[in-house]
């Protein structure tokens, strides 16, 4: 009986270790492949959809300039950065040993769920796209995503 118990303990320990992904030695490409391909990540589905709760998104608006104010029509123009931060448990990679986040190429943004933000009563808007889209996308080990545009 003790032999069977030891064997089962060894098998279960191997299953737990073999099932968990070890990100500590992976490259950025390896981590992204593991998160997006192996887990069947679907960017159309919000992070907390299965739990039927809303995803909390923190917004930061960094105003760069405020100009073209028309007091008569109450119109104005401003330039700003919009930063969004949220938690997506599907994108956690806790065994990654580096402390800094993964800074992803902006071409990868379409592969991730991103909250739909809109400005009520907006008259017009433009996105800065000189040489490349002016976006920043960071992915942290605990699944926190920071997207700035």
Protein backbone atom coordinates (compact mmCIF):
# COMPACT_ATOMS: atom_id res chain seq x y z
CA UNK A 1 0.00 0.00 0.00
CA UNK A 2 2.84 2.38 0.84
CA UNK A 3 4.49 1.58 -2.50
CA UNK A 4 1.27 2.41 -4.35
CA UNK A 5 0.90 5.66 -2.40
CA UNK A 6 4.47 6.71 -3.21
CA UNK A 7 3.96 5.85 -6.88
CA UNK A 8 0.74 7.88 -7.05
CA UNK A 9 2.39 10.81 -5.29
CA UNK A 10 5.25 10.70 -7.81
CA UNK A 11 2.87 10.51 -10.77
CA UNK A 12 0.67 13.35 -9.48
CA UNK A 13 3.74 15.48 -8.80
CA UNK A 14 4.93 14.91 -12.37
CA UNK A 15 1.51 15.78 -13.76
CA UNK A 16 1.43 19.07 -11.86
CA UNK A 17 4.97 19.99 -12.91
CA UNK A 18 4.51 18.86 -16.50
CA UNK A 19 1.17 20.61 -16.89
CA UNK A 20 2.36 24.02 -15.60
CA UNK A 21 4.27 26.06 -18.15
CA UNK A 22 7.72 27.18 -17.03
CA UNK A 23 8.24 30.65 -18.46
CA UNK A 24 11.55 31.29 -16.68
CA UNK A 25 13.72 30.20 -19.61
CA UNK A 26 11.41 31.23 -22.45
CA UNK A 27 12.04 33.98 -24.95
CA UNK A 28 9.47 36.69 -25.65
CA UNK A 29 8.31 34.75 -28.71
CA UNK A 30 7.96 31.58 -26.67
CA UNK A 31 5.85 33.31 -24.03
CA UNK A 32 3.59 34.91 -26.64
CA UNK A 33 3.18 31.61 -28.49
CA UNK A 34 2.31 29.88 -25.23
CA UNK A 35 -0.19 32.55 -24.18
CA UNK A 36 -1.90 33.06 -27.52
CA UNK A 37 -1.61 29.78 -29.40
CA UNK A 38 -1.44 26.99 -26.84
CA UNK A 39 -4.25 28.36 -24.66
CA UNK A 40 -6.59 29.15 -27.56
CA UNK A 41 -6.77 32.79 -26.45
CA UNK A 42 -9.69 34.58 -28.13
CA UNK A 43 -9.36 38.39 -28.27
CA UNK A 44 -13.09 38.76 -28.94
CA UNK A 45 -13.93 37.58 -25.42
CA UNK A 46 -13.42 39.93 -22.43
CA UNK A 47 -11.19 38.65 -19.60
CA UNK A 48 -13.96 38.07 -17.02
CA UNK A 49 -16.65 36.87 -19.42
CA UNK A 50 -16.79 33.31 -18.01
CA UNK A 51 -17.29 34.65 -14.48
CA UNK A 52 -20.08 36.95 -15.71
CA UNK A 53 -18.56 40.06 -14.12
CA UNK A 54 -17.41 43.29 -15.78
CA UNK A 55 -13.72 43.82 -16.41
CA UNK A 56 -12.38 46.77 -14.42
CA UNK A 57 -10.44 49.13 -16.67
CA UNK A 58 -8.44 52.02 -15.25
CA UNK A 59 -8.18 55.03 -17.57
CA UNK A 60 -5.56 57.76 -17.45
CA UNK A 61 -5.76 60.81 -19.65
CA UNK A 62 -2.46 62.69 -19.99
CA UNK A 63 -3.14 66.04 -21.64
CA UNK A 64 -0.26 67.22 -23.81
CA UNK A 65 -1.82 70.41 -25.12
CA UNK A 66 -5.12 72.27 -24.95
CA UNK A 67 -5.67 74.71 -27.79
CA UNK A 68 -8.14 76.09 -30.34
CA UNK A 69 -10.74 77.14 -27.81
CA UNK A 70 -13.90 78.67 -29.27
CA UNK A 71 -16.03 80.13 -26.49
CA UNK A 72 -18.98 80.86 -28.75
CA UNK A 73 -19.47 77.28 -29.98
CA UNK A 74 -17.84 75.78 -26.89
CA UNK A 75 -15.49 73.77 -29.08
CA UNK A 76 -11.91 73.02 -28.21
CA UNK A 77 -9.05 70.89 -29.43
CA UNK A 78 -6.66 68.94 -27.29
CA UNK A 79 -3.85 66.47 -27.71
CA UNK A 80 -3.56 63.70 -25.14
CA UNK A 81 -2.38 60.19 -24.42
CA UNK A 82 -4.98 57.69 -23.30
CA UNK A 83 -3.69 54.90 -21.08
CA UNK A 84 -5.81 51.87 -20.25
CA UNK A 85 -4.88 49.26 -17.65
CA UNK A 86 -6.75 46.05 -16.85
CA UNK A 87 -6.19 42.53 -15.58
CA UNK A 88 -6.50 39.52 -17.87
CA UNK A 89 -5.77 36.29 -15.97
CA UNK A 90 -5.51 34.42 -19.27
CA UNK A 91 -2.31 36.35 -20.01
CA UNK A 92 -0.48 35.67 -16.72
CA UNK A 93 2.98 34.09 -16.88
CA UNK A 94 4.04 34.06 -13.20
CA UNK A 95 7.20 31.96 -13.47
CA UNK A 96 8.90 34.50 -15.77
CA UNK A 97 12.00 35.58 -13.85
CA UNK A 98 12.49 39.07 -15.25
CA UNK A 99 10.80 41.85 -13.33
CA UNK A 100 10.17 44.17 -16.26
CA UNK A 101 7.04 43.79 -18.39
CA UNK A 102 7.04 42.48 -21.92
CA UNK A 103 6.87 45.47 -24.24
CA UNK A 104 5.10 44.20 -27.32
CA UNK A 105 5.28 45.44 -30.86
CA UNK A 106 2.15 47.41 -31.69
CA UNK A 107 1.40 45.03 -34.55
CA UNK A 108 0.43 42.48 -31.86
CA UNK A 109 -2.29 44.65 -30.31
CA UNK A 110 -4.97 43.12 -32.54
CA UNK A 111 -4.22 39.70 -31.04
CA UNK A 112 -5.35 40.84 -27.56
CA UNK A 113 -8.66 41.91 -26.08
CA UNK A 114 -8.69 45.71 -25.73
CA UNK A 115 -11.54 47.66 -24.07
CA UNK A 116 -13.72 49.76 -26.33
CA UNK A 117 -13.41 53.36 -25.15
CA UNK A 118 -15.45 56.21 -26.60
CA UNK A 119 -15.89 59.91 -25.87
CA UNK A 120 -19.46 61.05 -25.55
CA UNK A 121 -20.36 64.17 -27.60
CA UNK A 122 -17.09 64.02 -29.50
CA UNK A 123 -17.24 66.05 -32.73
CA UNK A 124 -14.15 64.60 -34.39
CA UNK A 125 -11.04 62.66 -33.50
CA UNK A 126 -7.75 61.72 -35.08
CA UNK A 127 -5.05 59.23 -34.17
CA UNK A 128 -1.38 60.10 -34.50
CA UNK A 129 0.20 57.83 -37.16
CA UNK A 130 3.37 59.37 -38.53
CA UNK A 131 5.81 56.51 -39.18
CA UNK A 132 4.09 53.86 -37.06
CA UNK A 133 0.98 53.94 -34.88
CA UNK A 134 1.77 55.84 -31.68
CA UNK A 135 0.89 53.03 -29.27
CA UNK A 136 2.51 51.25 -26.34
CA UNK A 137 1.51 47.78 -25.13
CA UNK A 138 2.96 46.23 -21.94
CA UNK A 139 2.15 42.80 -20.57
CA UNK A 140 3.04 42.07 -16.92
CA UNK A 141 3.66 38.67 -15.29
CA UNK A 142 0.46 38.76 -13.21
CA UNK A 143 -1.73 39.32 -16.29
CA UNK A 144 -1.95 43.11 -16.03
CA UNK A 145 -2.12 44.77 -19.44
CA UNK A 146 -1.20 48.42 -20.02
CA UNK A 147 -2.11 49.93 -23.38
CA UNK A 148 -1.36 53.53 -24.24
CA UNK A 149 -2.23 55.44 -27.40
